[in-house]
C-alpha atoms as a PDB file:
ATOM      1  CA  MET A   1      21.167  25.799   1.557  1.00  0.00           C
ATOM      2  CA  LYS A   2      20.606  29.251  -0.131  1.00  0.00           C
ATOM      3  CA  SER A   3      17.489  31.180   0.622  1.00  0.00           C
ATOM      4  CA  HIS A   4      15.553  32.778  -2.171  1.00  0.00           C
ATOM      5  CA  ASN A   5      16.881  36.014  -1.230  1.00  0.00           C
ATOM      6  CA  ASP A   6      20.562  34.732  -2.190  1.00  0.00           C
ATOM      7  CA  ILE A   7      19.734  33.695  -5.363  1.00  0.00           C
ATOM      8  CA  VAL A   8      20.683  35.842  -8.436  1.00  0.00           C
ATOM      9  CA  TRP A   9      18.223  35.485 -11.303  1.00  0.00           C
ATOM     10  CA  VAL A  10      19.632  35.812 -14.882  1.00  0.00           C
ATOM     11  CA  VAL A  11      17.989  36.323 -18.180  1.00  0.00           C
ATOM     12  CA  GLY A  12      18.041  33.300 -20.121  1.00  0.00           C
ATOM     13  CA  GLN A  13      18.238  30.966 -17.224  1.00  0.00           C
ATOM     14  CA  GLU A  14      16.048  27.948 -17.136  1.00  0.00           C
ATOM     15  CA  ILE A  15      14.233  27.513 -13.903  1.00  0.00           C
ATOM     16  CA  TRP A  16      11.540  25.512 -12.285  1.00  0.00           C
ATOM     17  CA  VAL A  17       8.079  27.207 -11.872  1.00  0.00           C
ATOM     18  CA  PRO A  18       4.908  26.283 -10.420  1.00  0.00           C
ATOM     19  CA  ALA A  19       2.719  24.548 -12.873  1.00  0.00           C
ATOM     20  CA  SER A  20      -0.389  26.646 -14.190  1.00  0.00           C
ATOM     21  CA  ASN A  21      -2.914  23.934 -14.759  1.00  0.00           C
ATOM     22  CA  THR A  22      -1.706  21.426 -12.098  1.00  0.00           C
ATOM     23  CA  LYS A  23      -1.608  21.662  -8.130  1.00  0.00           C
ATOM     24  CA  ASP A  24       1.537  20.927  -6.384  1.00  0.00           C
ATOM     25  CA  ALA A  25       3.408  20.289  -9.686  1.00  0.00           C
ATOM     26  CA  TYR A  26       6.082  22.376 -11.521  1.00  0.00           C
ATOM     27  CA  GLU A  27       7.202  22.945 -14.976  1.00  0.00           C
ATOM     28  CA  THR A  28      10.454  24.449 -16.614  1.00  0.00           C
ATOM     29  CA  GLY A  29      10.591  27.872 -17.929  1.00  0.00           C
ATOM     30  CA  THR A  30      13.167  30.417 -19.231  1.00  0.00           C
ATOM     31  CA  ILE A  31      13.606  33.864 -17.568  1.00  0.00           C
ATOM     32  CA  THR A  32      13.134  36.608 -20.072  1.00  0.00           C
ATOM     33  CA  LYS A  33      13.204  39.641 -17.760  1.00  0.00           C
ATOM     34  CA  VAL A  34      13.924  40.105 -14.096  1.00  0.00           C
ATOM     35  CA  LEU A  35      11.352  42.549 -12.823  1.00  0.00           C
ATOM     36  CA  GLY A  36      11.009  44.533  -9.640  1.00  0.00           C
ATOM     37  CA  GLY A  37       9.686  43.359  -6.289  1.00  0.00           C
ATOM     38  CA  GLY A  38      10.898  39.710  -6.654  1.00  0.00           C
ATOM     39  CA  MET A  39       8.814  39.251  -9.817  1.00  0.00           C
ATOM     40  CA  LEU A  40      10.147  37.283 -12.920  1.00  0.00           C
ATOM     41  CA  GLU A  41       8.925  37.266 -16.671  1.00  0.00           C
ATOM     42  CA  VAL A  42       9.280  33.634 -17.747  1.00  0.00           C
ATOM     43  CA  HIS A  43       8.520  32.074 -20.915  1.00  0.00           C
ATOM     44  CA  PRO A  44       6.110  30.501 -21.798  1.00  0.00           C
ATOM     45  CA  VAL A  45       4.356  31.064 -18.317  1.00  0.00           C
ATOM     46  CA  GLY A  46       4.331  34.629 -17.816  1.00  0.00           C
ATOM     47  CA  LYS A  47       5.022  36.644 -14.540  1.00  0.00           C
ATOM     48  CA  VAL A  48       5.579  34.512 -11.466  1.00  0.00           C
ATOM     49  CA  ASP A  49       7.040  35.259  -7.981  1.00  0.00           C
ATOM     50  CA  SER A  50      10.651  34.186  -7.595  1.00  0.00           C
ATOM     51  CA  ARG A  51       9.772  33.013  -3.874  1.00  0.00           C
ATOM     52  CA  PHE A  52       8.109  29.889  -5.843  1.00  0.00           C
ATOM     53  CA  CYS A  53      10.757  29.339  -8.259  1.00  0.00           C
ATOM     54  CA  GLU A  54      13.817  27.108  -8.216  1.00  0.00           C
ATOM     55  CA  THR A  55      17.105  26.904 -10.008  1.00  0.00           C
ATOM     56  CA  ILE A  56      18.135  24.084 -12.247  1.00  0.00           C
ATOM     57  CA  ASN A  57      21.868  23.123 -11.775  1.00  0.00           C
ATOM     58  CA  SER A  58      21.979  19.736 -13.563  1.00  0.00           C
ATOM     59  CA  ASP A  59      21.363  17.537 -16.548  1.00  0.00           C
ATOM     60  CA  MET A  60      17.639  16.519 -15.756  1.00  0.00           C
ATOM     61  CA  THR A  61      17.888  13.881 -18.687  1.00  0.00           C
ATOM     62  CA  GLN A  62      20.088  11.693 -16.408  1.00  0.00           C
ATOM     63  CA  ASP A  63      17.531  11.827 -13.358  1.00  0.00           C
ATOM     64  CA  HIS A  64      16.135   8.364 -14.081  1.00  0.00           C
ATOM     65  CA  LYS A  65      19.636   6.893 -13.173  1.00  0.00           C
ATOM     66  CA  VAL A  66      19.774   8.399  -9.595  1.00  0.00           C
ATOM     67  CA  ASP A  67      18.525   5.704  -7.237  1.00  0.00           C
ATOM     68  CA  ASP A  68      18.955   7.851  -4.207  1.00  0.00           C
ATOM     69  CA  LEU A  69      17.577  11.468  -4.006  1.00  0.00           C
ATOM     70  CA  THR A  70      20.044  12.512  -1.550  1.00  0.00           C
ATOM     71  CA  LYS A  71      22.695  12.296  -4.366  1.00  0.00           C
ATOM     72  CA  LEU A  72      20.961  14.837  -6.442  1.00  0.00           C
ATOM     73  CA  PRO A  73      22.718  18.138  -7.138  1.00  0.00           C
ATOM     74  CA  ASP A  74      19.504  20.101  -6.183  1.00  0.00           C
ATOM     75  CA  LEU A  75      17.604  18.787  -3.140  1.00  0.00           C
ATOM     76  CA  HIS A  76      14.515  21.141  -3.593  1.00  0.00           C
ATOM     77  CA  ARG A  77      11.016  19.963  -4.232  1.00  0.00           C
ATOM     78  CA  PRO A  78      10.723  20.142  -8.004  1.00  0.00           C
ATOM     79  CA  ALA A  79      14.100  18.347  -8.388  1.00  0.00           C
ATOM     80  CA  LEU A  80      12.892  15.516  -6.254  1.00  0.00           C
ATOM     81  CA  LEU A  81       9.448  15.221  -7.857  1.00  0.00           C
ATOM     82  CA  HIS A  82      11.191  15.103 -11.421  1.00  0.00           C
ATOM     83  CA  ALA A  83      13.675  12.504 -10.240  1.00  0.00           C
ATOM     84  CA  LEU A  84      10.871  10.246  -8.911  1.00  0.00           C
ATOM     85  CA  ASN A  85       8.719  11.099 -12.252  1.00  0.00           C
ATOM     86  CA  SER A  86      11.487  10.151 -14.547  1.00  0.00           C
ATOM     87  CA  ARG A  87      12.111   6.935 -12.844  1.00  0.00           C
ATOM     88  CA  TYR A  88       8.611   6.074 -12.753  1.00  0.00           C
ATOM     89  CA  GLU A  89       8.203   6.596 -16.558  1.00  0.00           C
ATOM     90  CA  LYS A  90      10.953   3.934 -16.904  1.00  0.00           C
ATOM     91  CA  ASN A  91       8.972   1.466 -14.577  1.00  0.00           C
ATOM     92  CA  LYS A  92      11.808   2.087 -11.764  1.00  0.00           C
ATOM     93  CA  ILE A  93       8.905   2.617  -9.123  1.00  0.00           C
ATOM     94  CA  TYR A  94      11.600   2.160  -6.153  1.00  0.00           C
ATOM     95  CA  THR A  95      13.922   4.996  -5.056  1.00  0.00           C
ATOM     96  CA  TYR A  96      16.060   5.614  -1.948  1.00  0.00           C
ATOM     97  CA  THR A  97      16.260   8.705   0.002  1.00  0.00           C
ATOM     98  CA  GLY A  98      19.028   7.657   2.465  1.00  0.00           C
ATOM     99  CA  LEU A  99      17.848   4.627   4.207  1.00  0.00           C
ATOM    100  CA  ILE A 100      14.199   5.309   3.370  1.00  0.00           C
ATOM    101  CA  LEU A 101      12.625   3.586   0.495  1.00  0.00           C
ATOM    102  CA  LEU A 102       9.927   5.385  -1.568  1.00  0.00           C
ATOM    103  CA  ALA A 103       7.650   3.263  -3.645  1.00  0.00           C
ATOM    104  CA  VAL A 104       5.427   4.821  -6.350  1.00  0.00           C
ATOM    105  CA  ASN A 105       2.439   2.795  -7.180  1.00  0.00           C
ATOM    106  CA  PRO A 106       2.595   1.772 -10.847  1.00  0.00           C
ATOM    107  CA  PHE A 107      -1.039   0.742 -11.033  1.00  0.00           C
ATOM    108  CA  LYS A 108       0.086  -2.323 -13.349  1.00  0.00           C
ATOM    109  CA  GLU A 109       1.749  -5.426 -13.187  1.00  0.00           C
ATOM    110  CA  LEU A 110       5.731  -5.338 -13.313  1.00  0.00           C
ATOM    111  CA  ASN A 111       8.191  -8.229 -13.632  1.00  0.00           C
ATOM    112  CA  LEU A 112       9.845  -7.059 -10.355  1.00  0.00           C
ATOM    113  CA  TYR A 113       8.954  -9.849  -7.972  1.00  0.00           C
ATOM    114  CA  GLY A 114       9.478 -13.776  -7.717  1.00  0.00           C
ATOM    115  CA  LYS A 115      12.158 -16.140  -6.869  1.00  0.00           C
ATOM    116  CA  LYS A 116      14.647 -14.759  -9.936  1.00  0.00           C
ATOM    117  CA  GLN A 117      14.320 -11.273  -8.440  1.00  0.00           C
ATOM    118  CA  MET A 118      14.657 -12.083  -5.071  1.00  0.00           C
ATOM    119  CA  SER A 119      17.986 -14.085  -5.374  1.00  0.00           C
ATOM    120  CA  PRO A 120      20.462 -11.072  -5.637  1.00  0.00           C
ATOM    121  CA  TYR A 121      19.255  -9.854  -2.481  1.00  0.00           C
ATOM    122  CA  MET A 122      19.217 -12.937  -0.777  1.00  0.00           C
ATOM    123  CA  ASN A 123      22.818 -13.629  -1.483  1.00  0.00           C
ATOM    124  CA  SER A 124      23.875  -9.830  -0.639  1.00  0.00           C
ATOM    125  CA  GLN A 125      25.561  -8.740   2.582  1.00  0.00           C
ATOM    126  CA  LEU A 126      25.064  -5.419   4.519  1.00  0.00           C
ATOM    127  CA  GLY A 127      26.866  -2.739   2.580  1.00  0.00           C
ATOM    128  CA  ASP A 128      26.434  -4.430  -0.884  1.00  0.00           C
ATOM    129  CA  ILE A 129      24.956  -1.953  -3.539  1.00  0.00           C
ATOM    130  CA  LEU A 130      21.845  -3.129  -5.273  1.00  0.00           C
ATOM    131  CA  PRO A 131      18.948  -1.642  -7.005  1.00  0.00           C
ATOM    132  CA  PRO A 132      16.281  -0.088  -4.551  1.00  0.00           C
ATOM    133  CA  HIS A 133      13.466  -2.540  -3.863  1.00  0.00           C
ATOM    134  CA  ALA A 134      11.353  -3.741  -0.978  1.00  0.00           C
ATOM    135  CA  TYR A 135      13.199  -6.778  -0.977  1.00  0.00           C
ATOM    136  CA  ALA A 136      16.302  -4.836  -0.268  1.00  0.00           C
ATOM    137  CA  THR A 137      14.607  -3.407   2.805  1.00  0.00           C
ATOM    138  CA  ALA A 138      13.543  -6.561   4.036  1.00  0.00           C
ATOM    139  CA  HIS A 139      16.752  -8.170   3.489  1.00  0.00           C
ATOM    140  CA  ARG A 140      18.532  -5.267   5.604  1.00  0.00           C
ATOM    141  CA  ALA A 141      16.266  -5.954   8.175  1.00  0.00           C
ATOM    142  CA  PHE A 142      16.681  -9.573   8.296  1.00  0.00           C
ATOM    143  CA  LEU A 143      20.497  -9.581   8.360  1.00  0.00           C
ATOM    144  CA  SER A 144      20.482  -6.702  11.024  1.00  0.00           C
ATOM    145  CA  MET A 145      18.650  -8.993  13.304  1.00  0.00           C
ATOM    146  CA  LEU A 146      21.111 -11.840  12.776  1.00  0.00           C
ATOM    147  CA  GLU A 147      24.167  -9.694  12.951  1.00  0.00           C
ATOM    148  CA  LYS A 148      22.872  -7.889  16.296  1.00  0.00           C
ATOM    149  CA  ASN A 149      22.261 -11.021  18.195  1.00  0.00           C
ATOM    150  CA  GLY A 150      18.679 -11.207  17.379  1.00  0.00           C
ATOM    151  CA  ARG A 151      17.806  -7.455  18.050  1.00  0.00           C
ATOM    152  CA  ASN A 152      14.189  -6.719  17.070  1.00  0.00           C
ATOM    153  CA  GLN A 153      14.096  -4.785  13.643  1.00  0.00           C
ATOM    154  CA  SER A 154      11.174  -2.721  12.618  1.00  0.00           C
ATOM    155  CA  ILE A 155       9.649  -1.852   8.997  1.00  0.00           C
ATOM    156  CA  LEU A 156       7.136   0.831   8.847  1.00  0.00           C
ATOM    157  CA  VAL A 157       5.206   0.953   5.820  1.00  0.00           C
ATOM    158  CA  SER A 158       3.243   4.430   5.475  1.00  0.00           C
ATOM    159  CA  GLY A 159       1.389   6.451   2.691  1.00  0.00           C
ATOM    160  CA  GLU A 160      -1.826   7.750   1.695  1.00  0.00           C
ATOM    161  CA  SER A 161      -4.832   5.607   0.481  1.00  0.00           C
ATOM    162  CA  GLY A 162      -3.850   3.905  -2.877  1.00  0.00           C
ATOM    163  CA  ALA A 163      -0.089   4.084  -2.555  1.00  0.00           C
ATOM    164  CA  GLY A 164       0.584   0.449  -2.331  1.00  0.00           C
ATOM    165  CA  LYS A 165       0.884  -0.256   1.408  1.00  0.00           C
ATOM    166  CA  THR A 166      -1.132  -3.621   1.382  1.00  0.00           C
ATOM    167  CA  VAL A 167       0.734  -4.863  -1.443  1.00  0.00           C
ATOM    168  CA  THR A 168       4.244  -3.850  -0.204  1.00  0.00           C
ATOM    169  CA  THR A 169       3.631  -5.442   2.983  1.00  0.00           C
ATOM    170  CA  LYS A 170       2.669  -8.702   1.495  1.00  0.00           C
ATOM    171  CA  ILE A 171       6.035  -8.286  -0.784  1.00  0.00           C
ATOM    172  CA  VAL A 172       8.021  -7.857   2.467  1.00  0.00           C
ATOM    173  CA  MET A 173       6.269 -10.812   4.360  1.00  0.00           C
ATOM    174  CA  ASP A 174       6.749 -13.045   1.193  1.00  0.00           C
ATOM    175  CA  TYR A 175      10.390 -12.276   1.237  1.00  0.00           C
ATOM    176  CA  LEU A 176      10.989 -12.740   4.929  1.00  0.00           C
ATOM    177  CA  THR A 177       9.205 -16.099   4.812  1.00  0.00           C
ATOM    178  CA  LYS A 178      11.353 -17.353   1.566  1.00  0.00           C
ATOM    179  CA  ILE A 179      14.558 -16.375   2.950  1.00  0.00           C
ATOM    180  CA  SER A 180      13.973 -18.130   6.329  1.00  0.00           C
ATOM    181  CA  GLN A 181      13.310 -21.476   4.424  1.00  0.00           C
ATOM    182  CA  ARG A 182      16.689 -21.264   2.953  1.00  0.00           C
ATOM    183  CA  GLY A 183      18.661 -24.348   3.746  1.00  0.00           C
ATOM    184  CA  GLN A 184      16.080 -25.962   5.671  1.00  0.00           C
ATOM    185  CA  ASN A 185      14.677 -29.400   5.467  1.00  0.00           C
ATOM    186  CA  GLN A 186      11.222 -29.085   3.790  1.00  0.00           C
ATOM    187  CA  THR A 187       9.992 -31.752   6.171  1.00  0.00           C
ATOM    188  CA  SER A 188      10.676 -29.929   9.292  1.00  0.00           C
ATOM    189  CA  GLY A 189       7.280 -28.109   9.141  1.00  0.00           C
ATOM    190  CA  GLY A 190       8.773 -24.441   8.648  1.00  0.00           C
ATOM    191  CA  GLY A 191       7.123 -24.517   5.293  1.00  0.00           C
ATOM    192  CA  ASP A 192       3.664 -24.827   6.814  1.00  0.00           C
ATOM    193  CA  ILE A 193       4.445 -22.053   9.297  1.00  0.00           C
ATOM    194  CA  CYS A 194       5.521 -19.748   6.431  1.00  0.00           C
ATOM    195  CA  GLU A 195       2.371 -20.370   4.465  1.00  0.00           C
ATOM    196  CA  LYS A 196       0.321 -19.760   7.384  1.00  0.00           C
ATOM    197  CA  VAL A 197       1.752 -16.332   7.987  1.00  0.00           C
ATOM    198  CA  LEU A 198       1.240 -15.387   4.206  1.00  0.00           C
ATOM    199  CA  GLN A 199      -2.324 -16.538   4.209  1.00  0.00           C
ATOM    200  CA  THR A 200      -3.342 -14.283   6.963  1.00  0.00           C
ATOM    201  CA  ASN A 201      -3.182 -11.626   4.392  1.00  0.00           C
ATOM    202  CA  PRO A 202      -5.917 -12.311   2.086  1.00  0.00           C
ATOM    203  CA  LEU A 203      -8.120 -13.474   5.258  1.00  0.00           C
ATOM    204  CA  LEU A 204      -7.427 -10.188   6.850  1.00  0.00           C
ATOM    205  CA  GLU A 205      -8.010  -8.193   3.613  1.00  0.00           C
ATOM    206  CA  SER A 206     -11.665 -10.004   3.349  1.00  0.00           C
ATOM    207  CA  LEU A 207     -12.728  -8.862   6.589  1.00  0.00           C
ATOM    208  CA  GLY A 208     -10.902  -5.610   6.863  1.00  0.00           C
ATOM    209  CA  ASN A 209     -10.365  -4.151   3.410  1.00  0.00           C
ATOM    210  CA  ALA A 210     -13.130  -2.305   1.260  1.00  0.00           C
ATOM    211  CA  MET A 211     -13.114  -0.810  -2.313  1.00  0.00           C
ATOM    212  CA  THR A 212     -13.024   3.016  -2.124  1.00  0.00           C
ATOM    213  CA  ARG A 213     -12.866   5.785  -5.027  1.00  0.00           C
ATOM    214  CA  ARG A 214      -9.054   5.524  -5.224  1.00  0.00           C
ATOM    215  CA  ASN A 215      -8.433   1.920  -4.333  1.00  0.00           C
ATOM    216  CA  ASP A 216     -10.324  -1.409  -4.945  1.00  0.00           C
ATOM    217  CA  ASN A 217      -8.630  -3.067  -2.122  1.00  0.00           C
ATOM    218  CA  SER A 218      -8.182  -0.473   0.706  1.00  0.00           C
ATOM    219  CA  SER A 219      -7.197  -1.448   3.979  1.00  0.00           C
ATOM    220  CA  ARG A 220      -9.687   0.269   6.405  1.00  0.00           C
ATOM    221  CA  PHE A 221      -7.806  -0.869   9.450  1.00  0.00           C
ATOM    222  CA  GLY A 222      -3.998  -0.591  10.759  1.00  0.00           C
ATOM    223  CA  LYS A 223      -2.012  -3.717  11.915  1.00  0.00           C
ATOM    224  CA  LEU A 224       1.127  -4.433  13.463  1.00  0.00           C
ATOM    225  CA  ILE A 225       2.675  -7.759  12.390  1.00  0.00           C
ATOM    226  CA  GLN A 226       5.246  -9.402  14.386  1.00  0.00           C
ATOM    227  CA  ILE A 227       7.256 -11.984  12.490  1.00  0.00           C
ATOM    228  CA  LYS A 228       9.010 -14.161  14.979  1.00  0.00           C
ATOM    229  CA  PHE A 229      12.399 -16.198  14.372  1.00  0.00           C
ATOM    230  CA  GLU A 230      14.115 -18.763  16.531  1.00  0.00           C
ATOM    231  CA  GLU A 231      16.768 -16.866  18.584  1.00  0.00           C
ATOM    232  CA  GLY A 232      20.065 -16.924  17.000  1.00  0.00           C
ATOM    233  CA  LYS A 233      18.851 -18.388  13.905  1.00  0.00           C
ATOM    234  CA  SER A 234      16.835 -17.700  10.580  1.00  0.00           C
ATOM    235  CA  ARG A 235      14.030 -19.986  11.134  1.00  0.00           C
ATOM    236  CA  LEU A 236      10.609 -18.434  11.361  1.00  0.00           C
ATOM    237  CA  ILE A 237       8.506 -19.907  14.031  1.00  0.00           C
ATOM    238  CA  GLY A 238       5.437 -17.885  14.123  1.00  0.00           C
ATOM    239  CA  ALA A 239       3.698 -14.510  13.700  1.00  0.00           C
ATOM    240  CA  SER A 240       1.268 -12.487  15.603  1.00  0.00           C
ATOM    241  CA  ILE A 241      -0.838  -9.773  14.298  1.00  0.00           C
ATOM    242  CA  ASP A 242      -2.499  -6.863  16.261  1.00  0.00           C
ATOM    243  CA  THR A 243      -5.245  -4.962  14.611  1.00  0.00           C
ATOM    244  CA  TYR A 244      -6.423  -1.343  15.306  1.00  0.00           C
ATOM    245  CA  LEU A 245      -8.418   1.560  14.384  1.00  0.00           C
ATOM    246  CA  LEU A 246     -11.185  -0.533  12.075  1.00  0.00           C
ATOM    247  CA  GLU A 247     -13.292   1.805  10.372  1.00  0.00           C
ATOM    248  CA  LYS A 248     -16.293   0.426  11.796  1.00  0.00           C
ATOM    249  CA  ALA A 249     -18.576   3.342  10.557  1.00  0.00           C
ATOM    250  CA  ARG A 250     -18.371   1.813   6.883  1.00  0.00           C
ATOM    251  CA  VAL A 251     -20.514  -1.051   8.051  1.00  0.00           C
ATOM    252  CA  VAL A 252     -23.682   1.259   8.229  1.00  0.00           C
ATOM    253  CA  ARG A 253     -22.352   3.893   5.521  1.00  0.00           C
ATOM    254  CA  GLN A 254     -20.230   4.025   2.453  1.00  0.00           C
ATOM    255  CA  GLY A 255     -19.408   6.961   0.369  1.00  0.00           C
ATOM    256  CA  SER A 256     -20.452   7.500  -3.201  1.00  0.00           C
ATOM    257  CA  GLY A 257     -18.660   5.148  -5.463  1.00  0.00           C
ATOM    258  CA  GLU A 258     -17.499   2.722  -2.371  1.00  0.00           C
ATOM    259  CA  ARG A 259     -18.404  -0.262  -0.955  1.00  0.00           C
ATOM    260  CA  ASN A 260     -18.980  -2.130   2.232  1.00  0.00           C
ATOM    261  CA  PHE A 261     -16.048  -4.583   3.601  1.00  0.00           C
ATOM    262  CA  HIS A 262     -15.205  -7.254   1.075  1.00  0.00           C
ATOM    263  CA  ILE A 263     -16.692 -10.031   3.139  1.00  0.00           C
ATOM    264  CA  PHE A 264     -20.114  -9.118   2.632  1.00  0.00           C
ATOM    265  CA  TYR A 265     -19.991  -9.268  -1.197  1.00  0.00           C
ATOM    266  CA  GLU A 266     -17.923 -12.354  -1.060  1.00  0.00           C
ATOM    267  CA  LEU A 267     -20.648 -13.956   0.951  1.00  0.00           C
ATOM    268  CA  LEU A 268     -23.373 -13.216  -1.463  1.00  0.00           C
ATOM    269  CA  ALA A 269     -21.594 -14.182  -4.398  1.00  0.00           C
ATOM    270  CA  GLY A 270     -19.723 -17.296  -3.369  1.00  0.00           C
ATOM    271  CA  ALA A 271     -22.070 -19.082  -0.967  1.00  0.00           C
ATOM    272  CA  THR A 272     -23.311 -22.549  -1.850  1.00  0.00           C
ATOM    273  CA  ASP A 273     -27.048 -23.135  -2.570  1.00  0.00           C
ATOM    274  CA  GLN A 274     -27.682 -24.672   0.843  1.00  0.00           C
ATOM    275  CA  GLN A 275     -25.760 -21.830   2.514  1.00  0.00           C
ATOM    276  CA  LYS A 276     -27.918 -19.188   0.686  1.00  0.00           C
ATOM    277  CA  ARG A 277     -30.973 -20.893   1.828  1.00  0.00           C
ATOM    278  CA  GLU A 278     -29.834 -21.336   5.657  1.00  0.00           C
ATOM    279  CA  TRP A 279     -28.825 -17.618   5.692  1.00  0.00           C
ATOM    280  CA  ASN A 280     -31.909 -16.183   3.661  1.00  0.00           C
ATOM    281  CA  THR A 281     -29.420 -14.401   1.382  1.00  0.00           C
ATOM    282  CA  ASP A 282     -32.359 -13.581  -0.982  1.00  0.00           C
ATOM    283  CA  LEU A 283     -33.267 -10.815   1.732  1.00  0.00           C
ATOM    284  CA  CYS A 284     -29.792  -9.222   1.646  1.00  0.00           C
ATOM    285  CA  GLU A 285     -29.528  -8.864  -2.236  1.00  0.00           C
ATOM    286  CA  ASP A 286     -30.753  -5.241  -1.724  1.00  0.00           C
ATOM    287  CA  SER A 287     -29.624  -4.717   1.689  1.00  0.00           C
ATOM    288  CA  ARG A 288     -29.258  -1.089   3.030  1.00  0.00           C
ATOM    289  CA  LEU A 289     -25.825  -1.858   4.214  1.00  0.00           C
ATOM    290  CA  LEU A 290     -24.951  -2.579   0.659  1.00  0.00           C
ATOM    291  CA  CYS A 291     -26.175   0.694  -0.931  1.00  0.00           C
ATOM    292  CA  ASN A 292     -23.426   0.915  -3.625  1.00  0.00           C
ATOM    293  CA  GLU A 293     -23.815  -3.132  -4.368  1.00  0.00           C
ATOM    294  CA  GLY A 294     -23.797  -2.672  -8.214  1.00  0.00           C
ATOM    295  CA  ILE A 295     -20.002  -1.315  -7.973  1.00  0.00           C
ATOM    296  CA  ARG A 296     -17.619  -4.084  -8.885  1.00  0.00           C
ATOM    297  CA  ARG A 297     -13.857  -4.682  -8.156  1.00  0.00           C
ATOM    298  CA  SER A 298     -11.933  -4.342 -11.410  1.00  0.00           C
ATOM    299  CA  ASP A 299      -8.867  -6.338  -9.833  1.00  0.00           C
ATOM    300  CA  ILE A 300     -10.930  -9.745  -9.056  1.00  0.00           C
ATOM    301  CA  THR A 301     -14.453 -11.053  -8.912  1.00  0.00           C
ATOM    302  CA  ASP A 302     -16.050 -11.353  -5.415  1.00  0.00           C
ATOM    303  CA  LYS A 303     -16.620 -15.022  -6.053  1.00  0.00           C
ATOM    304  CA  GLU A 304     -13.097 -15.677  -6.846  1.00  0.00           C
ATOM    305  CA  GLN A 305     -11.848 -13.751  -3.954  1.00  0.00           C
ATOM    306  CA  PHE A 306     -14.146 -15.534  -1.639  1.00  0.00           C
ATOM    307  CA  LYS A 307     -12.412 -19.008  -2.798  1.00  0.00           C
ATOM    308  CA  LYS A 308      -9.079 -17.309  -1.568  1.00  0.00           C
ATOM    309  CA  THR A 309     -10.585 -16.511   1.723  1.00  0.00           C
ATOM    310  CA  LEU A 310     -11.986 -19.976   2.028  1.00  0.00           C
ATOM    311  CA  GLN A 311      -8.392 -21.321   1.371  1.00  0.00           C
ATOM    312  CA  ALA A 312      -6.892 -18.767   3.799  1.00  0.00           C
ATOM    313  CA  MET A 313      -9.059 -19.948   6.519  1.00  0.00           C
ATOM    314  CA  ASP A 314      -8.132 -23.508   5.741  1.00  0.00           C
ATOM    315  CA  VAL A 315      -4.515 -22.850   5.647  1.00  0.00           C
ATOM    316  CA  VAL A 316      -4.691 -20.842   9.069  1.00  0.00           C
ATOM    317  CA  GLY A 317      -6.278 -23.787  10.964  1.00  0.00           C
ATOM    318  CA  LEU A 318      -9.881 -22.409  11.075  1.00  0.00           C
ATOM    319  CA  SER A 319     -12.397 -25.507  11.398  1.00  0.00           C
ATOM    320  CA  SER A 320     -15.281 -25.804   9.543  1.00  0.00           C
ATOM    321  CA  GLN A 321     -17.380 -24.873  12.773  1.00  0.00           C
ATOM    322  CA  GLU A 322     -15.362 -21.817  13.479  1.00  0.00           C
ATOM    323  CA  ARG A 323     -15.914 -20.711   9.560  1.00  0.00           C
ATOM    324  CA  SER A 324     -19.589 -21.251   9.848  1.00  0.00           C
ATOM    325  CA  ARG A 325     -19.691 -19.133  12.860  1.00  0.00           C
ATOM    326  CA  ILE A 326     -17.973 -16.202  11.416  1.00  0.00           C
ATOM    327  CA  PHE A 327     -20.063 -16.456   8.152  1.00  0.00           C
ATOM    328  CA  LYS A 328     -23.282 -16.440  10.219  1.00  0.00           C
ATOM    329  CA  VAL A 329     -22.073 -13.325  12.196  1.00  0.00           C
ATOM    330  CA  VAL A 330     -21.454 -11.482   9.005  1.00  0.00           C
ATOM    331  CA  MET A 331     -24.867 -12.469   7.486  1.00  0.00           C
ATOM    332  CA  ALA A 332     -26.637 -11.527  10.874  1.00  0.00           C
ATOM    333  CA  ILE A 333     -25.271  -8.069  10.353  1.00  0.00           C
ATOM    334  CA  LEU A 334     -26.467  -7.685   6.820  1.00  0.00           C
ATOM    335  CA  HIS A 335     -30.008  -8.702   8.253  1.00  0.00           C
ATOM    336  CA  LEU A 336     -29.872  -6.569  11.410  1.00  0.00           C
ATOM    337  CA  GLY A 337     -28.873  -3.371   8.857  1.00  0.00           C
ATOM    338  CA  ASP A 338     -32.571  -3.878   7.303  1.00  0.00           C
ATOM    339  CA  ILE A 339     -34.702  -3.895  10.627  1.00  0.00           C
ATOM    340  CA  ASN A 340     -37.104  -1.172  10.804  1.00  0.00           C
ATOM    341  CA  PHE A 341     -37.847   0.466  14.109  1.00  0.00           C
ATOM    342  CA  GLU A 342     -41.159   2.335  14.709  1.00  0.00           C
ATOM    343  CA  GLU A 343     -42.117   4.950  17.435  1.00  0.00           C
ATOM    344  CA  THR A 344     -44.697   3.765  19.829  1.00  0.00           C
ATOM    345  CA  PHE A 345     -46.499   5.867  22.280  1.00  0.00           C
ATOM    346  CA  ILE A 346     -47.518   4.181  25.696  1.00  0.00           C
ATOM    347  CA  ASN A 347     -49.631   6.359  27.913  1.00  0.00           C
ATOM    348  CA  GLY A 348     -49.160   9.172  25.812  1.00  0.00           C
ATOM    349  CA  GLU A 349     -45.425   9.065  26.240  1.00  0.00           C
END
């Protein structure tokens, strides 16, 4: 790749320049004059340092058709960002960069998921070319496991807060459970296991997710999910989940515009009258641990989410006694948050 010292800048050439009003973004401009000291006069921007400019060597109007960034004629930062943005504007939120799948959160519902959308991927083989999708990544891992004598496969879902990690993980898990059920007798019990695996998501989200300024359902912990298949076969037989790095400090303090963990609000909104009396929930309405209690999620009400939490607990096999103990511990934490401590002197000490 050429360094900036090797580039010959020409008057009339269209180039990428740093955007004047947006950080870490670029806009196009036309060179009107090559100045000394590596400076360029660019319309309509003005004087810019050529070290921060990049050339344009392709028809950018076709960037939305490029589903693998490694196939772009230009592989510098502004070209990559422009291609991702062009695809995003056409609701193409998935793009490859080699074997890595990039997903840009659309922050709206798109018709990209379901049995119909899964079908082409489920019927494909390794090497088949299909549009980028989380389904494709899950399917490649699934086929690689089968074709490599059961060798373990890993899918890493990473990104900043609000990027869509939680939803992407659920999409991948949904695909793997669905493909494991193909050709199986529904009376074999495999469907029950698959449903239990999927229902761990709303349960973990209730206890470990919270509303932040960037995300209404932000995971405040990391997790390693191991989905286990019968050796040499595609039948799903179980799963295990290891959690780590829970943001415990959120229990006692939340930032402005943020909330505590979902479960606190769900219990207060969804508890029965009997439970409210038993837990003295009226004392927790203005709890210190819920300092931003007036803030509401935009995606779902706490009462509706509590119903999903209860359903998940039922599916994964938690008894009524186990659920009651969990809820009592949660409510005890809220009550403990309102205890006042007073300094007492004994014998002058």
